[in-house]
Amino acid sequence: MTANRTGKIERYADFFPYYLQEHAKPTTRALHYVGTTLTFGFLAVAIATGSAWWLLGMPLAGYFFAWVGHFGVEKNRPATFTYPVWSLVSDYRMYFLWLGGRLGRHLRAAGVTD
């Protein structure tokens, strides 16, 4: 892993395995999936109704379920506090890998076992 003097990860290629390690417990990942699915639901309602107010539900749903997983299940600090953009990208990446049944190999490569 490439990190600078402060210990901060410098490359996304190094960040994603770290992100997966921070989501080692299946319950944490499941809570993320619920929140991420809800973000798509809020987006769909916003588009269907033409009301941008529904877009406010996207970060609320996404972060609420994710943070319940981190603070309540994983007992760690969400990576979004240090790496907000990479964490958001990684949340959706993890979600779509899971939906496609391809997450397992990434978890194993990151050293995460269920």
PDB file of N, CA and C in Angstrom:
ATOM      1  N   MET A   1       0.847  -1.178   0.000  1.00  0.00           N
ATOM      2  CA  MET A   1       0.000   0.000   0.000  1.00  0.00           C
ATOM      3  C   MET A   1       0.889   1.237   0.000  1.00  0.00           C
ATOM      4  N   THR A   2       0.524   2.212  -0.818  1.00  0.00           N
ATOM      5  CA  THR A   2       1.267   3.453  -0.892  1.00  0.00           C
ATOM      6  C   THR A   2       0.588   4.502  -0.017  1.00  0.00           C
ATOM      7  N   ALA A   3       1.326   5.000   0.955  1.00  0.00           N
ATOM      8  CA  ALA A   3       0.797   6.050   1.831  1.00  0.00           C
ATOM      9  C   ALA A   3       1.874   7.122   1.980  1.00  0.00           C
ATOM     10  N   ASN A   4       1.427   8.351   2.243  1.00  0.00           N
ATOM     11  CA  ASN A   4       2.411   9.420   2.426  1.00  0.00           C
ATOM     12  C   ASN A   4       2.905   9.430   3.876  1.00  0.00           C
ATOM     13  N   ARG A   5       3.672  10.425   4.226  1.00  0.00           N
ATOM     14  CA  ARG A   5       4.268  10.487   5.567  1.00  0.00           C
ATOM     15  C   ARG A   5       3.235  10.528   6.682  1.00  0.00           C
ATOM     16  N   THR A   6       2.063  11.053   6.396  1.00  0.00           N
ATOM     17  CA  THR A   6       1.026  11.141   7.417  1.00  0.00           C
ATOM     18  C   THR A   6       0.233   9.839   7.531  1.00  0.00           C
ATOM     19  N   GLY A   7       0.563   8.871   6.671  1.00  0.00           N
ATOM     20  CA  GLY A   7      -0.148   7.605   6.685  1.00  0.00           C
ATOM     21  C   GLY A   7      -1.380   7.600   5.810  1.00  0.00           C
ATOM     22  N   LYS A   8      -1.617   8.697   5.104  1.00  0.00           N
ATOM     23  CA  LYS A   8      -2.787   8.806   4.236  1.00  0.00           C
ATOM     24  C   LYS A   8      -2.535   8.052   2.928  1.00  0.00           C
ATOM     25  N   ILE A   9      -3.516   7.290   2.506  1.00  0.00           N
ATOM     26  CA  ILE A   9      -3.415   6.517   1.270  1.00  0.00           C
ATOM     27  C   ILE A   9      -3.428   7.473   0.089  1.00  0.00           C
ATOM     28  N   GLU A  10      -2.516   7.247  -0.851  1.00  0.00           N
ATOM     29  CA  GLU A  10      -2.353   8.179  -1.968  1.00  0.00           C
ATOM     30  C   GLU A  10      -2.959   7.705  -3.281  1.00  0.00           C
ATOM     31  N   ARG A  11      -3.197   6.400  -3.421  1.00  0.00           N
ATOM     32  CA  ARG A  11      -3.719   5.874  -4.687  1.00  0.00           C
ATOM     33  C   ARG A  11      -5.018   5.115  -4.444  1.00  0.00           C
ATOM     34  N   TYR A  12      -5.976   5.302  -5.362  1.00  0.00           N
ATOM     35  CA  TYR A  12      -7.248   4.597  -5.213  1.00  0.00           C
ATOM     36  C   TYR A  12      -7.042   3.086  -5.267  1.00  0.00           C
ATOM     37  N   ALA A  13      -6.090   2.628  -6.049  1.00  0.00           N
ATOM     38  CA  ALA A  13      -5.821   1.183  -6.135  1.00  0.00           C
ATOM     39  C   ALA A  13      -5.458   0.610  -4.770  1.00  0.00           C
ATOM     40  N   ASP A  14      -4.857   1.401  -3.911  1.00  0.00           N
ATOM     41  CA  ASP A  14      -4.543   0.976  -2.546  1.00  0.00           C
ATOM     42  C   ASP A  14      -5.727   1.193  -1.606  1.00  0.00           C
ATOM     43  N   PHE A  15      -6.560   2.153  -1.936  1.00  0.00           N
ATOM     44  CA  PHE A  15      -7.678   2.474  -1.068  1.00  0.00           C
ATOM     45  C   PHE A  15      -8.765   1.399  -1.087  1.00  0.00           C
ATOM     46  N   PHE A  16      -9.109   0.881  -2.264  1.00  0.00           N
ATOM     47  CA  PHE A  16     -10.239  -0.041  -2.342  1.00  0.00           C
ATOM     48  C   PHE A  16     -10.051  -1.285  -1.469  1.00  0.00           C
ATOM     49  N   PRO A  17      -8.888  -1.933  -1.453  1.00  0.00           N
ATOM     50  CA  PRO A  17      -8.710  -3.058  -0.511  1.00  0.00           C
ATOM     51  C   PRO A  17      -8.865  -2.618   0.950  1.00  0.00           C
ATOM     52  N   TYR A  18      -8.364  -1.455   1.276  1.00  0.00           N
ATOM     53  CA  TYR A  18      -8.533  -0.912   2.628  1.00  0.00           C
ATOM     54  C   TYR A  18     -10.025  -0.720   2.924  1.00  0.00           C
ATOM     55  N   TYR A  19     -10.754  -0.169   1.964  1.00  0.00           N
ATOM     56  CA  TYR A  19     -12.190   0.044   2.116  1.00  0.00           C
ATOM     57  C   TYR A  19     -12.898  -1.273   2.396  1.00  0.00           C
ATOM     58  N   LEU A  20     -12.551  -2.303   1.652  1.00  0.00           N
ATOM     59  CA  LEU A  20     -13.180  -3.608   1.861  1.00  0.00           C
ATOM     60  C   LEU A  20     -12.829  -4.172   3.236  1.00  0.00           C
ATOM     61  N   GLN A  21     -11.616  -3.961   3.697  1.00  0.00           N
ATOM     62  CA  GLN A  21     -11.224  -4.421   5.025  1.00  0.00           C
ATOM     63  C   GLN A  21     -12.036  -3.713   6.110  1.00  0.00           C
ATOM     64  N   GLU A  22     -12.401  -2.465   5.858  1.00  0.00           N
ATOM     65  CA  GLU A  22     -13.212  -1.706   6.799  1.00  0.00           C
ATOM     66  C   GLU A  22     -14.677  -2.152   6.771  1.00  0.00           C
ATOM     67  N   HIS A  23     -15.014  -3.034   5.818  1.00  0.00           N
ATOM     68  CA  HIS A  23     -16.366  -3.584   5.680  1.00  0.00           C
ATOM     69  C   HIS A  23     -16.291  -5.110   5.751  1.00  0.00           C
ATOM     70  N   ALA A  24     -15.523  -5.594   6.689  1.00  0.00           N
ATOM     71  CA  ALA A  24     -15.235  -7.028   6.779  1.00  0.00           C
ATOM     72  C   ALA A  24     -16.445  -7.861   7.186  1.00  0.00           C
ATOM     73  N   LYS A  25     -17.317  -7.310   7.978  1.00  0.00           N
ATOM     74  CA  LYS A  25     -18.459  -8.091   8.471  1.00  0.00           C
ATOM     75  C   LYS A  25     -19.616  -8.033   7.466  1.00  0.00           C
ATOM     76  N   PRO A  26     -20.202  -9.189   7.164  1.00  0.00           N
ATOM     77  CA  PRO A  26     -21.322  -9.217   6.205  1.00  0.00           C
ATOM     78  C   PRO A  26     -22.482  -8.302   6.598  1.00  0.00           C
ATOM     79  N   THR A  27     -22.736  -8.141   7.882  1.00  0.00           N
ATOM     80  CA  THR A  27     -23.836  -7.271   8.316  1.00  0.00           C
ATOM     81  C   THR A  27     -23.548  -5.814   7.961  1.00  0.00           C
ATOM     82  N   THR A  28     -22.306  -5.405   8.092  1.00  0.00           N
ATOM     83  CA  THR A  28     -21.929  -4.039   7.717  1.00  0.00           C
ATOM     84  C   THR A  28     -22.184  -3.824   6.236  1.00  0.00           C
ATOM     85  N   ARG A  29     -21.755  -4.777   5.421  1.00  0.00           N
ATOM     86  CA  ARG A  29     -21.976  -4.655   3.979  1.00  0.00           C
ATOM     87  C   ARG A  29     -23.466  -4.666   3.656  1.00  0.00           C
ATOM     88  N   ALA A  30     -24.235  -5.506   4.338  1.00  0.00           N
ATOM     89  CA  ALA A  30     -25.683  -5.575   4.092  1.00  0.00           C
ATOM     90  C   ALA A  30     -26.347  -4.232   4.412  1.00  0.00           C
ATOM     91  N   LEU A  31     -25.944  -3.597   5.486  1.00  0.00           N
ATOM     92  CA  LEU A  31     -26.495  -2.282   5.817  1.00  0.00           C
ATOM     93  C   LEU A  31     -26.137  -1.264   4.740  1.00  0.00           C
ATOM     94  N   HIS A  32     -24.927  -1.348   4.221  1.00  0.00           N
ATOM     95  CA  HIS A  32     -24.539  -0.471   3.108  1.00  0.00           C
ATOM     96  C   HIS A  32     -25.433  -0.719   1.900  1.00  0.00           C
ATOM     97  N   TYR A  33     -25.698  -1.966   1.607  1.00  0.00           N
ATOM     98  CA  TYR A  33     -26.530  -2.288   0.441  1.00  0.00           C
ATOM     99  C   TYR A  33     -27.939  -1.728   0.600  1.00  0.00           C
ATOM    100  N   VAL A  34     -28.473  -1.796   1.811  1.00  0.00           N
ATOM    101  CA  VAL A  34     -29.806  -1.227   2.059  1.00  0.00           C
ATOM    102  C   VAL A  34     -29.779   0.276   1.789  1.00  0.00           C
ATOM    103  N   GLY A  35     -28.814   0.951   2.377  1.00  0.00           N
ATOM    104  CA  GLY A  35     -28.713   2.402   2.195  1.00  0.00           C
ATOM    105  C   GLY A  35     -28.485   2.793   0.754  1.00  0.00           C
ATOM    106  N   THR A  36     -27.621   2.067   0.061  1.00  0.00           N
ATOM    107  CA  THR A  36     -27.332   2.383  -1.335  1.00  0.00           C
ATOM    108  C   THR A  36     -28.552   2.131  -2.210  1.00  0.00           C
ATOM    109  N   THR A  37     -29.267   1.054  -1.946  1.00  0.00           N
ATOM    110  CA  THR A  37     -30.498   0.780  -2.693  1.00  0.00           C
ATOM    111  C   THR A  37     -31.500   1.909  -2.481  1.00  0.00           C
ATOM    112  N   LEU A  38     -31.614   2.382  -1.254  1.00  0.00           N
ATOM    113  CA  LEU A  38     -32.527   3.486  -0.972  1.00  0.00           C
ATOM    114  C   LEU A  38     -32.126   4.762  -1.708  1.00  0.00           C
ATOM    115  N   THR A  39     -30.818   4.980  -1.910  1.00  0.00           N
ATOM    116  CA  THR A  39     -30.408   6.174  -2.654  1.00  0.00           C
ATOM    117  C   THR A  39     -30.972   6.128  -4.074  1.00  0.00           C
ATOM    118  N   PHE A  40     -30.978   4.945  -4.668  1.00  0.00           N
ATOM    119  CA  PHE A  40     -31.553   4.820  -6.008  1.00  0.00           C
ATOM    120  C   PHE A  40     -33.067   5.028  -5.966  1.00  0.00           C
ATOM    121  N   GLY A  41     -33.701   4.560  -4.899  1.00  0.00           N
ATOM    122  CA  GLY A  41     -35.133   4.767  -4.743  1.00  0.00           C
ATOM    123  C   GLY A  41     -35.481   6.242  -4.641  1.00  0.00           C
ATOM    124  N   PHE A  42     -34.741   6.978  -3.826  1.00  0.00           N
ATOM    125  CA  PHE A  42     -34.982   8.418  -3.705  1.00  0.00           C
ATOM    126  C   PHE A  42     -34.737   9.131  -5.028  1.00  0.00           C
ATOM    127  N   LEU A  43     -33.709   8.713  -5.747  1.00  0.00           N
ATOM    128  CA  LEU A  43     -33.439   9.317  -7.054  1.00  0.00           C
ATOM    129  C   LEU A  43     -34.596   9.046  -8.015  1.00  0.00           C
ATOM    130  N   ALA A  44     -35.095   7.830  -8.016  1.00  0.00           N
ATOM    131  CA  ALA A  44     -36.210   7.470  -8.901  1.00  0.00           C
ATOM    132  C   ALA A  44     -37.463   8.285  -8.569  1.00  0.00           C
ATOM    133  N   VAL A  45     -37.749   8.456  -7.287  1.00  0.00           N
ATOM    134  CA  VAL A  45     -38.924   9.239  -6.888  1.00  0.00           C
ATOM    135  C   VAL A  45     -38.738  10.705  -7.283  1.00  0.00           C
ATOM    136  N   ALA A  46     -37.537  11.218  -7.107  1.00  0.00           N
ATOM    137  CA  ALA A  46     -37.264  12.611  -7.500  1.00  0.00           C
ATOM    138  C   ALA A  46     -37.493  12.810  -8.993  1.00  0.00           C
ATOM    139  N   ILE A  47     -37.034  11.854  -9.791  1.00  0.00           N
ATOM    140  CA  ILE A  47     -37.220  11.950 -11.239  1.00  0.00           C
ATOM    141  C   ILE A  47     -38.702  11.805 -11.587  1.00  0.00           C
ATOM    142  N   ALA A  48     -39.367  10.826 -10.971  1.00  0.00           N
ATOM    143  CA  ALA A  48     -40.776  10.558 -11.287  1.00  0.00           C
ATOM    144  C   ALA A  48     -41.696  11.711 -10.898  1.00  0.00           C
ATOM    145  N   THR A  49     -41.385  12.351  -9.778  1.00  0.00           N
ATOM    146  CA  THR A  49     -42.257  13.424  -9.294  1.00  0.00           C
ATOM    147  C   THR A  49     -41.804  14.802  -9.751  1.00  0.00           C
ATOM    148  N   GLY A  50     -40.571  14.899 -10.213  1.00  0.00           N
ATOM    149  CA  GLY A  50     -40.027  16.203 -10.590  1.00  0.00           C
ATOM    150  C   GLY A  50     -39.686  17.064  -9.394  1.00  0.00           C
ATOM    151  N   SER A  51     -39.667  16.459  -8.217  1.00  0.00           N
ATOM    152  CA  SER A  51     -39.374  17.196  -6.990  1.00  0.00           C
ATOM    153  C   SER A  51     -37.956  16.895  -6.510  1.00  0.00           C
ATOM    154  N   ALA A  52     -37.136  17.913  -6.525  1.00  0.00           N
ATOM    155  CA  ALA A  52     -35.744  17.763  -6.095  1.00  0.00           C
ATOM    156  C   ALA A  52     -35.624  17.521  -4.593  1.00  0.00           C
ATOM    157  N   TRP A  53     -36.692  17.774  -3.840  1.00  0.00           N
ATOM    158  CA  TRP A  53     -36.653  17.545  -2.402  1.00  0.00           C
ATOM    159  C   TRP A  53     -36.315  16.101  -2.067  1.00  0.00           C
ATOM    160  N   TRP A  54     -36.731  15.177  -2.907  1.00  0.00           N
ATOM    161  CA  TRP A  54     -36.447  13.759  -2.672  1.00  0.00           C
ATOM    162  C   TRP A  54     -34.946  13.465  -2.711  1.00  0.00           C
ATOM    163  N   LEU A  55     -34.192  14.306  -3.395  1.00  0.00           N
ATOM    164  CA  LEU A  55     -32.744  14.102  -3.481  1.00  0.00           C
ATOM    165  C   LEU A  55     -32.074  14.235  -2.119  1.00  0.00           C
ATOM    166  N   LEU A  56     -32.722  14.973  -1.212  1.00  0.00           N
ATOM    167  CA  LEU A  56     -32.171  15.106   0.145  1.00  0.00           C
ATOM    168  C   LEU A  56     -32.145  13.766   0.872  1.00  0.00           C
ATOM    169  N   GLY A  57     -33.026  12.870   0.479  1.00  0.00           N
ATOM    170  CA  GLY A  57     -33.059  11.556   1.107  1.00  0.00           C
ATOM    171  C   GLY A  57     -31.885  10.675   0.728  1.00  0.00           C
ATOM    172  N   MET A  58     -31.250  10.988  -0.382  1.00  0.00           N
ATOM    173  CA  MET A  58     -30.142  10.136  -0.838  1.00  0.00           C
ATOM    174  C   MET A  58     -29.000  10.078   0.177  1.00  0.00           C
ATOM    175  N   PRO A  59     -28.406  11.194   0.536  1.00  0.00           N
ATOM    176  CA  PRO A  59     -27.310  11.092   1.513  1.00  0.00           C
ATOM    177  C   PRO A  59     -27.793  10.651   2.893  1.00  0.00           C
ATOM    178  N   LEU A  60     -29.009  11.042   3.256  1.00  0.00           N
ATOM    179  CA  LEU A  60     -29.522  10.627   4.568  1.00  0.00           C
ATOM    180  C   LEU A  60     -29.632   9.113   4.657  1.00  0.00           C
ATOM    181  N   ALA A  61     -30.228   8.493   3.656  1.00  0.00           N
ATOM    182  CA  ALA A  61     -30.384   7.036   3.663  1.00  0.00           C
ATOM    183  C   ALA A  61     -29.036   6.337   3.558  1.00  0.00           C
ATOM    184  N   GLY A  62     -28.222   6.806   2.624  1.00  0.00           N
ATOM    185  CA  GLY A  62     -26.923   6.169   2.420  1.00  0.00           C
ATOM    186  C   GLY A  62     -26.048   6.218   3.648  1.00  0.00           C
ATOM    187  N   TYR A  63     -25.910   7.398   4.225  1.00  0.00           N
ATOM    188  CA  TYR A  63     -25.029   7.535   5.382  1.00  0.00           C
ATOM    189  C   TYR A  63     -25.619   6.929   6.641  1.00  0.00           C
ATOM    190  N   PHE A  64     -26.933   7.029   6.828  1.00  0.00           N
ATOM    191  CA  PHE A  64     -27.537   6.468   8.034  1.00  0.00           C
ATOM    192  C   PHE A  64     -27.224   4.977   8.156  1.00  0.00           C
ATOM    193  N   PHE A  65     -27.530   4.210   7.129  1.00  0.00           N
ATOM    194  CA  PHE A  65     -27.319   2.768   7.195  1.00  0.00           C
ATOM    195  C   PHE A  65     -25.832   2.421   7.247  1.00  0.00           C
ATOM    196  N   ALA A  66     -25.021   3.160   6.509  1.00  0.00           N
ATOM    197  CA  ALA A  66     -23.577   2.913   6.529  1.00  0.00           C
ATOM    198  C   ALA A  66     -23.007   3.158   7.920  1.00  0.00           C
ATOM    199  N   TRP A  67     -23.408   4.248   8.537  1.00  0.00           N
ATOM    200  CA  TRP A  67     -22.856   4.584   9.841  1.00  0.00           C
ATOM    201  C   TRP A  67     -23.370   3.664  10.937  1.00  0.00           C
ATOM    202  N   VAL A  68     -24.584   3.177  10.812  1.00  0.00           N
ATOM    203  CA  VAL A  68     -25.063   2.155  11.755  1.00  0.00           C
ATOM    204  C   VAL A  68     -24.143   0.939  11.660  1.00  0.00           C
ATOM    205  N   GLY A  69     -23.783   0.570  10.433  1.00  0.00           N
ATOM    206  CA  GLY A  69     -22.875  -0.556  10.230  1.00  0.00           C
ATOM    207  C   GLY A  69     -21.504  -0.313  10.827  1.00  0.00           C
ATOM    208  N   HIS A  70     -20.969   0.872  10.619  1.00  0.00           N
ATOM    209  CA  HIS A  70     -19.615   1.147  11.119  1.00  0.00           C
ATOM    210  C   HIS A  70     -19.576   1.296  12.635  1.00  0.00           C
ATOM    211  N   PHE A  71     -20.441   2.116  13.172  1.00  0.00           N
ATOM    212  CA  PHE A  71     -20.397   2.369  14.609  1.00  0.00           C
ATOM    213  C   PHE A  71     -21.002   1.232  15.415  1.00  0.00           C
ATOM    214  N   GLY A  72     -22.062   0.608  14.894  1.00  0.00           N
ATOM    215  CA  GLY A  72     -22.763  -0.412  15.652  1.00  0.00           C
ATOM    216  C   GLY A  72     -22.286  -1.831  15.430  1.00  0.00           C
ATOM    217  N   VAL A  73     -21.830  -2.139  14.230  1.00  0.00           N
ATOM    218  CA  VAL A  73     -21.449  -3.515  13.897  1.00  0.00           C
ATOM    219  C   VAL A  73     -19.932  -3.650  13.783  1.00  0.00           C
ATOM    220  N   GLU A  74     -19.348  -2.880  12.910  1.00  0.00           N
ATOM    221  CA  GLU A  74     -17.916  -3.006  12.615  1.00  0.00           C
ATOM    222  C   GLU A  74     -17.055  -2.402  13.719  1.00  0.00           C
ATOM    223  N   LYS A  75     -17.620  -1.431  14.434  1.00  0.00           N
ATOM    224  CA  LYS A  75     -16.905  -0.725  15.513  1.00  0.00           C
ATOM    225  C   LYS A  75     -15.660  -0.017  14.987  1.00  0.00           C
ATOM    226  N   ASN A  76     -15.841   0.663  13.845  1.00  0.00           N
ATOM    227  CA  ASN A  76     -14.733   1.439  13.293  1.00  0.00           C
ATOM    228  C   ASN A  76     -15.252   2.794  12.814  1.00  0.00           C
ATOM    229  N   ARG A  77     -14.328   3.633  12.436  1.00  0.00           N
ATOM    230  CA  ARG A  77     -14.645   4.983  11.967  1.00  0.00           C
ATOM    231  C   ARG A  77     -14.833   4.929  10.456  1.00  0.00           C
ATOM    232  N   PRO A  78     -15.951   5.450   9.937  1.00  0.00           N
ATOM    233  CA  PRO A  78     -16.174   5.415   8.494  1.00  0.00           C
ATOM    234  C   PRO A  78     -15.047   6.099   7.721  1.00  0.00           C
ATOM    235  N   ALA A  79     -14.617   5.451   6.651  1.00  0.00           N
ATOM    236  CA  ALA A  79     -13.546   6.000   5.815  1.00  0.00           C
ATOM    237  C   ALA A  79     -13.954   7.307   5.157  1.00  0.00           C
ATOM    238  N   THR A  80     -15.246   7.562   5.074  1.00  0.00           N
ATOM    239  CA  THR A  80     -15.725   8.788   4.433  1.00  0.00           C
ATOM    240  C   THR A  80     -15.241  10.043   5.154  1.00  0.00           C
ATOM    241  N   PHE A  81     -14.896   9.922   6.425  1.00  0.00           N
ATOM    242  CA  PHE A  81     -14.403  11.084   7.159  1.00  0.00           C
ATOM    243  C   PHE A  81     -13.025  11.517   6.666  1.00  0.00           C
ATOM    244  N   THR A  82     -12.244  10.580   6.171  1.00  0.00           N
ATOM    245  CA  THR A  82     -10.901  10.887   5.684  1.00  0.00           C
ATOM    246  C   THR A  82     -10.823  10.921   4.162  1.00  0.00           C
ATOM    247  N   TYR A  83     -11.596  10.059   3.516  1.00  0.00           N
ATOM    248  CA  TYR A  83     -11.570   9.910   2.057  1.00  0.00           C
ATOM    249  C   TYR A  83     -12.994   9.996   1.499  1.00  0.00           C
ATOM    250  N   PRO A  84     -13.606  11.179   1.524  1.00  0.00           N
ATOM    251  CA  PRO A  84     -15.032  11.261   1.158  1.00  0.00           C
ATOM    252  C   PRO A  84     -15.349  10.838  -0.279  1.00  0.00           C
ATOM    253  N   VAL A  85     -14.577  11.262  -1.243  1.00  0.00           N
ATOM    254  CA  VAL A  85     -14.880  10.928  -2.641  1.00  0.00           C
ATOM    255  C   VAL A  85     -14.587   9.457  -2.906  1.00  0.00           C
ATOM    256  N   TRP A  86     -13.424   8.988  -2.496  1.00  0.00           N
ATOM    257  CA  TRP A  86     -13.075   7.582  -2.719  1.00  0.00           C
ATOM    258  C   TRP A  86     -14.051   6.655  -1.999  1.00  0.00           C
ATOM    259  N   SER A  87     -14.529   7.061  -0.839  1.00  0.00           N
ATOM    260  CA  SER A  87     -15.487   6.230  -0.107  1.00  0.00           C
ATOM    261  C   SER A  87     -16.813   6.139  -0.844  1.00  0.00           C
ATOM    262  N   LEU A  88     -17.271   7.255  -1.381  1.00  0.00           N
ATOM    263  CA  LEU A  88     -18.526   7.244  -2.137  1.00  0.00           C
ATOM    264  C   LEU A  88     -18.397   6.364  -3.373  1.00  0.00           C
ATOM    265  N   VAL A  89     -17.307   6.546  -4.108  1.00  0.00           N
ATOM    266  CA  VAL A  89     -17.056   5.718  -5.293  1.00  0.00           C
ATOM    267  C   VAL A  89     -16.988   4.245  -4.896  1.00  0.00           C
ATOM    268  N   SER A  90     -16.307   3.953  -3.809  1.00  0.00           N
ATOM    269  CA  SER A  90     -16.130   2.568  -3.370  1.00  0.00           C
ATOM    270  C   SER A  90     -17.428   1.947  -2.885  1.00  0.00           C
ATOM    271  N   ASP A  91     -18.302   2.759  -2.291  1.00  0.00           N
ATOM    272  CA  ASP A  91     -19.591   2.236  -1.854  1.00  0.00           C
ATOM    273  C   ASP A  91     -20.379   1.728  -3.058  1.00  0.00           C
ATOM    274  N   TYR A  92     -20.443   2.539  -4.096  1.00  0.00           N
ATOM    275  CA  TYR A  92     -21.178   2.112  -5.292  1.00  0.00           C
ATOM    276  C   TYR A  92     -20.442   0.978  -6.008  1.00  0.00           C
ATOM    277  N   ARG A  93     -19.131   1.006  -6.011  1.00  0.00           N
ATOM    278  CA  ARG A  93     -18.370  -0.100  -6.621  1.00  0.00           C
ATOM    279  C   ARG A  93     -18.650  -1.408  -5.887  1.00  0.00           C
ATOM    280  N   MET A  94     -18.577  -1.370  -4.552  1.00  0.00           N
ATOM    281  CA  MET A  94     -18.857  -2.565  -3.763  1.00  0.00           C
ATOM    282  C   MET A  94     -20.282  -3.052  -4.018  1.00  0.00           C
ATOM    283  N   TYR A  95     -21.221  -2.133  -4.098  1.00  0.00           N
ATOM    284  CA  TYR A  95     -22.626  -2.463  -4.330  1.00  0.00           C
ATOM    285  C   TYR A  95     -22.806  -3.182  -5.664  1.00  0.00           C
ATOM    286  N   PHE A  96     -22.242  -2.637  -6.726  1.00  0.00           N
ATOM    287  CA  PHE A  96     -22.427  -3.242  -8.044  1.00  0.00           C
ATOM    288  C   PHE A  96     -21.634  -4.541  -8.197  1.00  0.00           C
ATOM    289  N   LEU A  97     -20.482  -4.641  -7.554  1.00  0.00           N
ATOM    290  CA  LEU A  97     -19.770  -5.925  -7.537  1.00  0.00           C
ATOM    291  C   LEU A  97     -20.605  -6.980  -6.824  1.00  0.00           C
ATOM    292  N   TRP A  98     -21.230  -6.596  -5.720  1.00  0.00           N
ATOM    293  CA  TRP A  98     -22.099  -7.516  -4.977  1.00  0.00           C
ATOM    294  C   TRP A  98     -23.295  -7.925  -5.830  1.00  0.00           C
ATOM    295  N   LEU A  99     -23.952  -6.952  -6.457  1.00  0.00           N
ATOM    296  CA  LEU A  99     -25.107  -7.267  -7.305  1.00  0.00           C
ATOM    297  C   LEU A  99     -24.741  -8.231  -8.427  1.00  0.00           C
ATOM    298  N   GLY A 100     -23.548  -8.049  -8.969  1.00  0.00           N
ATOM    299  CA  GLY A 100     -23.089  -8.892 -10.067  1.00  0.00           C
ATOM    300  C   GLY A 100     -22.462 -10.200  -9.613  1.00  0.00           C
ATOM    301  N   GLY A 101     -22.425 -10.447  -8.317  1.00  0.00           N
ATOM    302  CA  GLY A 101     -21.849 -11.675  -7.797  1.00  0.00           C
ATOM    303  C   GLY A 101     -20.337 -11.746  -7.931  1.00  0.00           C
ATOM    304  N   ARG A 102     -19.690 -10.585  -8.035  1.00  0.00           N
ATOM    305  CA  ARG A 102     -18.239 -10.557  -8.238  1.00  0.00           C
ATOM    306  C   ARG A 102     -17.465  -9.971  -7.064  1.00  0.00           C
ATOM    307  N   LEU A 103     -18.154  -9.716  -5.956  1.00  0.00           N
ATOM    308  CA  LEU A 103     -17.483  -9.090  -4.824  1.00  0.00           C
ATOM    309  C   LEU A 103     -16.545 -10.045  -4.095  1.00  0.00           C
ATOM    310  N   GLY A 104     -16.879 -11.321  -4.055  1.00  0.00           N
ATOM    311  CA  GLY A 104     -16.108 -12.290  -3.279  1.00  0.00           C
ATOM    312  C   GLY A 104     -14.629 -12.291  -3.581  1.00  0.00           C
ATOM    313  N   ARG A 105     -14.279 -12.259  -4.835  1.00  0.00           N
ATOM    314  CA  ARG A 105     -12.843 -12.300  -5.175  1.00  0.00           C
ATOM    315  C   ARG A 105     -12.117 -11.035  -4.725  1.00  0.00           C
ATOM    316  N   HIS A 106     -12.812  -9.909  -4.739  1.00  0.00           N
ATOM    317  CA  HIS A 106     -12.207  -8.660  -4.260  1.00  0.00           C
ATOM    318  C   HIS A 106     -12.032  -8.694  -2.747  1.00  0.00           C
ATOM    319  N   LEU A 107     -13.022  -9.256  -2.052  1.00  0.00           N
ATOM    320  CA  LEU A 107     -12.893  -9.410  -0.606  1.00  0.00           C
ATOM    321  C   LEU A 107     -11.720 -10.323  -0.255  1.00  0.00           C
ATOM    322  N   ARG A 108     -11.622 -11.446  -0.946  1.00  0.00           N
ATOM    323  CA  ARG A 108     -10.515 -12.381  -0.683  1.00  0.00           C
ATOM    324  C   ARG A 108      -9.166 -11.728  -0.971  1.00  0.00           C
ATOM    325  N   ALA A 109      -9.081 -10.970  -2.078  1.00  0.00           N
ATOM    326  CA  ALA A 109      -7.822 -10.289  -2.427  1.00  0.00           C
ATOM    327  C   ALA A 109      -7.438  -9.262  -1.369  1.00  0.00           C
ATOM    328  N   ALA A 110      -8.453  -8.700  -0.706  1.00  0.00           N
ATOM    329  CA  ALA A 110      -8.204  -7.707   0.356  1.00  0.00           C
ATOM    330  C   ALA A 110      -7.957  -8.388   1.709  1.00  0.00           C
ATOM    331  N   GLY A 111      -8.044  -9.701   1.744  1.00  0.00           N
ATOM    332  CA  GLY A 111      -7.831 -10.429   2.994  1.00  0.00           C
ATOM    333  C   GLY A 111      -9.059 -10.549   3.861  1.00  0.00           C
ATOM    334  N   VAL A 112     -10.227 -10.286   3.288  1.00  0.00           N
ATOM    335  CA  VAL A 112     -11.485 -10.366   4.049  1.00  0.00           C
ATOM    336  C   VAL A 112     -12.098 -11.731   3.817  1.00  0.00           C
ATOM    337  N   THR A 113     -12.382 -12.417   4.922  1.00  0.00           N
ATOM    338  CA  THR A 113     -13.066 -13.715   4.836  1.00  0.00           C
ATOM    339  C   THR A 113     -14.368 -13.614   5.594  1.00  0.00           C
ATOM    340  N   ASP A 114     -15.409 -14.182   5.026  1.00  0.00           N
ATOM    341  CA  ASP A 114     -16.733 -14.146   5.682  1.00  0.00           C
ATOM    342  C   ASP A 114     -16.836 -15.159   6.781  1.00  0.00           C
TER     343      ASP A 114
END
